Amino acid sequence: MANDVIQGTGNVFADLGLPEAADRQTKARLAMQVNALLKERRIKQTDAAAILHVPQSKVSALANYRLDQFSVEKLMSFLNLLDCDVEIVIRPRRDAVGHTSVFALS
């Protein structure tokens, strides 16, 4: 058994060969921010549902990272409803292959 280390791409979804890897990673990072804000503010799921204008079951899905029912746009709108600005930056790519990234600033 070899102990070879393989460097990842920075996108676990791509490394696992999953379809729509960039979209999945973007959703996961946005969901992480939404969940972190809800936890930091100690907002219960029923209250979060009212704030985000979704049923409590959707908040539960979000909390458990079942993100197939959410679009990137919907997750960004949740951040807006939680008093956050979301910016999309487009710039010329630096590498031969373009990249999509989501960063959170405190």
C-alpha atoms as a PDB file:
ATOM      1  CA  MET A   1       0.000   0.000   0.000  1.00  0.00           C
ATOM      2  CA  ALA A   2       1.503   3.312  -1.051  1.00  0.00           C
ATOM      3  CA  ASN A   3       1.343   6.427   1.086  1.00  0.00           C
ATOM      4  CA  ASP A   4       1.322   8.788  -1.871  1.00  0.00           C
ATOM      5  CA  VAL A   5      -0.124  12.206  -1.176  1.00  0.00           C
ATOM      6  CA  ILE A   6      -2.251  13.695  -3.900  1.00  0.00           C
ATOM      7  CA  GLN A   7      -2.729  17.433  -3.824  1.00  0.00           C
ATOM      8  CA  GLY A   8      -6.341  18.521  -4.151  1.00  0.00           C
ATOM      9  CA  THR A   9      -7.634  21.129  -6.527  1.00  0.00           C
ATOM     10  CA  GLY A  10      -9.107  23.259  -3.750  1.00  0.00           C
ATOM     11  CA  ASN A  11     -12.579  22.029  -4.653  1.00  0.00           C
ATOM     12  CA  VAL A  12     -13.458  18.803  -2.846  1.00  0.00           C
ATOM     13  CA  PHE A  13     -16.453  18.283  -5.140  1.00  0.00           C
ATOM     14  CA  ALA A  14     -14.197  18.333  -8.211  1.00  0.00           C
ATOM     15  CA  ASP A  15     -11.690  16.071  -6.466  1.00  0.00           C
ATOM     16  CA  LEU A  16     -14.500  13.569  -5.869  1.00  0.00           C
ATOM     17  CA  GLY A  17     -15.530  13.797  -9.527  1.00  0.00           C
ATOM     18  CA  LEU A  18     -19.000  15.147  -8.749  1.00  0.00           C
ATOM     19  CA  PRO A  19     -20.955  17.004 -11.445  1.00  0.00           C
ATOM     20  CA  GLU A  20     -21.349  20.788 -11.193  1.00  0.00           C
ATOM     21  CA  ALA A  21     -18.430  20.957  -8.759  1.00  0.00           C
ATOM     22  CA  ALA A  22     -17.982  24.750  -8.925  1.00  0.00           C
ATOM     23  CA  ASP A  23     -21.692  25.324  -8.247  1.00  0.00           C
ATOM     24  CA  ARG A  24     -21.641  22.862  -5.345  1.00  0.00           C
ATOM     25  CA  GLN A  25     -18.616  24.551  -3.796  1.00  0.00           C
ATOM     26  CA  THR A  26     -20.163  28.005  -4.169  1.00  0.00           C
ATOM     27  CA  LYS A  27     -23.388  26.819  -2.533  1.00  0.00           C
ATOM     28  CA  ALA A  28     -21.473  25.167   0.308  1.00  0.00           C
ATOM     29  CA  ARG A  29     -19.466  28.308   1.059  1.00  0.00           C
ATOM     30  CA  LEU A  30     -22.550  30.531   0.958  1.00  0.00           C
ATOM     31  CA  ALA A  31     -24.439  28.082   3.185  1.00  0.00           C
ATOM     32  CA  MET A  32     -21.523  28.063   5.622  1.00  0.00           C
ATOM     33  CA  GLN A  33     -21.823  31.834   5.930  1.00  0.00           C
ATOM     34  CA  VAL A  34     -25.590  31.757   6.416  1.00  0.00           C
ATOM     35  CA  ASN A  35     -25.304  29.019   9.039  1.00  0.00           C
ATOM     36  CA  ALA A  36     -22.455  30.813  10.815  1.00  0.00           C
ATOM     37  CA  LEU A  37     -24.498  34.017  11.025  1.00  0.00           C
ATOM     38  CA  LEU A  38     -27.547  32.179  12.357  1.00  0.00           C
ATOM     39  CA  LYS A  39     -25.414  30.420  14.968  1.00  0.00           C
ATOM     40  CA  GLU A  40     -23.502  33.571  15.922  1.00  0.00           C
ATOM     41  CA  ARG A  41     -26.754  35.476  16.393  1.00  0.00           C
ATOM     42  CA  ARG A  42     -28.359  32.509  18.185  1.00  0.00           C
ATOM     43  CA  ILE A  43     -31.323  32.540  15.826  1.00  0.00           C
ATOM     44  CA  LYS A  44     -33.551  29.491  16.183  1.00  0.00           C
ATOM     45  CA  GLN A  45     -34.739  27.666  13.071  1.00  0.00           C
ATOM     46  CA  THR A  46     -38.332  28.865  13.440  1.00  0.00           C
ATOM     47  CA  ASP A  47     -37.150  32.477  13.700  1.00  0.00           C
ATOM     48  CA  ALA A  48     -34.707  31.970  10.821  1.00  0.00           C
ATOM     49  CA  ALA A  49     -37.571  30.678   8.689  1.00  0.00           C
ATOM     50  CA  ALA A  50     -39.470  33.916   9.277  1.00  0.00           C
ATOM     51  CA  ILE A  51     -36.407  36.044   8.515  1.00  0.00           C
ATOM     52  CA  LEU A  52     -35.519  34.101   5.355  1.00  0.00           C
ATOM     53  CA  HIS A  53     -39.150  33.756   4.187  1.00  0.00           C
ATOM     54  CA  VAL A  54     -38.975  29.970   3.879  1.00  0.00           C
ATOM     55  CA  PRO A  55     -40.543  27.072   5.767  1.00  0.00           C
ATOM     56  CA  GLN A  56     -38.660  25.770   8.809  1.00  0.00           C
ATOM     57  CA  SER A  57     -37.982  22.539   6.903  1.00  0.00           C
ATOM     58  CA  LYS A  58     -35.868  24.529   4.415  1.00  0.00           C
ATOM     59  CA  VAL A  59     -33.862  26.044   7.283  1.00  0.00           C
ATOM     60  CA  SER A  60     -33.282  22.519   8.580  1.00  0.00           C
ATOM     61  CA  ALA A  61     -32.099  21.412   5.125  1.00  0.00           C
ATOM     62  CA  LEU A  62     -29.767  24.408   4.999  1.00  0.00           C
ATOM     63  CA  ALA A  63     -28.401  23.668   8.478  1.00  0.00           C
ATOM     64  CA  ASN A  64     -27.666  20.101   7.370  1.00  0.00           C
ATOM     65  CA  TYR A  65     -26.112  21.236   4.066  1.00  0.00           C
ATOM     66  CA  ARG A  66     -28.728  19.524   1.920  1.00  0.00           C
ATOM     67  CA  LEU A  67     -28.310  22.221  -0.700  1.00  0.00           C
ATOM     68  CA  ASP A  68     -29.819  20.656  -3.819  1.00  0.00           C
ATOM     69  CA  GLN A  69     -33.038  22.627  -3.220  1.00  0.00           C
ATOM     70  CA  PHE A  70     -31.241  25.991  -3.097  1.00  0.00           C
ATOM     71  CA  SER A  71     -29.818  28.064  -5.924  1.00  0.00           C
ATOM     72  CA  VAL A  72     -26.739  30.230  -5.532  1.00  0.00           C
ATOM     73  CA  GLU A  73     -29.016  33.254  -5.956  1.00  0.00           C
ATOM     74  CA  LYS A  74     -31.329  32.099  -3.160  1.00  0.00           C
ATOM     75  CA  LEU A  75     -28.403  31.592  -0.781  1.00  0.00           C
ATOM     76  CA  MET A  76     -27.109  35.075  -1.642  1.00  0.00           C
ATOM     77  CA  SER A  77     -30.580  36.490  -0.940  1.00  0.00           C
ATOM     78  CA  PHE A  78     -30.489  34.806   2.493  1.00  0.00           C
ATOM     79  CA  LEU A  79     -27.258  36.671   3.226  1.00  0.00           C
ATOM     80  CA  ASN A  80     -28.926  39.929   2.176  1.00  0.00           C
ATOM     81  CA  LEU A  81     -31.824  39.191   4.530  1.00  0.00           C
ATOM     82  CA  LEU A  82     -29.240  38.682   7.282  1.00  0.00           C
ATOM     83  CA  ASP A  83     -27.911  42.206   6.644  1.00  0.00           C
ATOM     84  CA  CYS A  84     -24.888  41.209   4.571  1.00  0.00           C
ATOM     85  CA  ASP A  85     -23.758  42.580   1.236  1.00  0.00           C
ATOM     86  CA  VAL A  86     -22.742  40.042  -1.396  1.00  0.00           C
ATOM     87  CA  GLU A  87     -20.331  41.094  -4.130  1.00  0.00           C
ATOM     88  CA  ILE A  88     -19.429  39.243  -7.292  1.00  0.00           C
ATOM     89  CA  VAL A  89     -16.035  40.147  -8.718  1.00  0.00           C
ATOM     90  CA  ILE A  90     -15.186  39.336 -12.314  1.00  0.00           C
ATOM     91  CA  ARG A  91     -11.588  39.698 -13.497  1.00  0.00           C
ATOM     92  CA  PRO A  92      -9.367  38.272 -16.210  1.00  0.00           C
ATOM     93  CA  ARG A  93      -8.266  34.783 -15.263  1.00  0.00           C
ATOM     94  CA  ARG A  94      -4.701  34.221 -14.158  1.00  0.00           C
ATOM     95  CA  ASP A  95      -4.425  30.537 -15.046  1.00  0.00           C
ATOM     96  CA  ALA A  96      -5.209  28.497 -18.125  1.00  0.00           C
ATOM     97  CA  VAL A  97      -8.420  27.361 -16.439  1.00  0.00           C
ATOM     98  CA  GLY A  98     -10.916  29.807 -14.919  1.00  0.00           C
ATOM     99  CA  HIS A  99     -11.867  29.538 -11.246  1.00  0.00           C
ATOM    100  CA  THR A 100     -14.905  30.401  -9.169  1.00  0.00           C
ATOM    101  CA  SER A 101     -14.338  31.416  -5.550  1.00  0.00           C
ATOM    102  CA  VAL A 102     -16.431  32.640  -2.650  1.00  0.00           C
ATOM    103  CA  PHE A 103     -14.742  34.505   0.177  1.00  0.00           C
ATOM    104  CA  ALA A 104     -16.183  35.771   3.420  1.00  0.00           C
ATOM    105  CA  LEU A 105     -14.922  38.953   5.009  1.00  0.00           C
ATOM    106  CA  SER A 106     -15.570  39.552   8.656  1.00  0.00           C
END
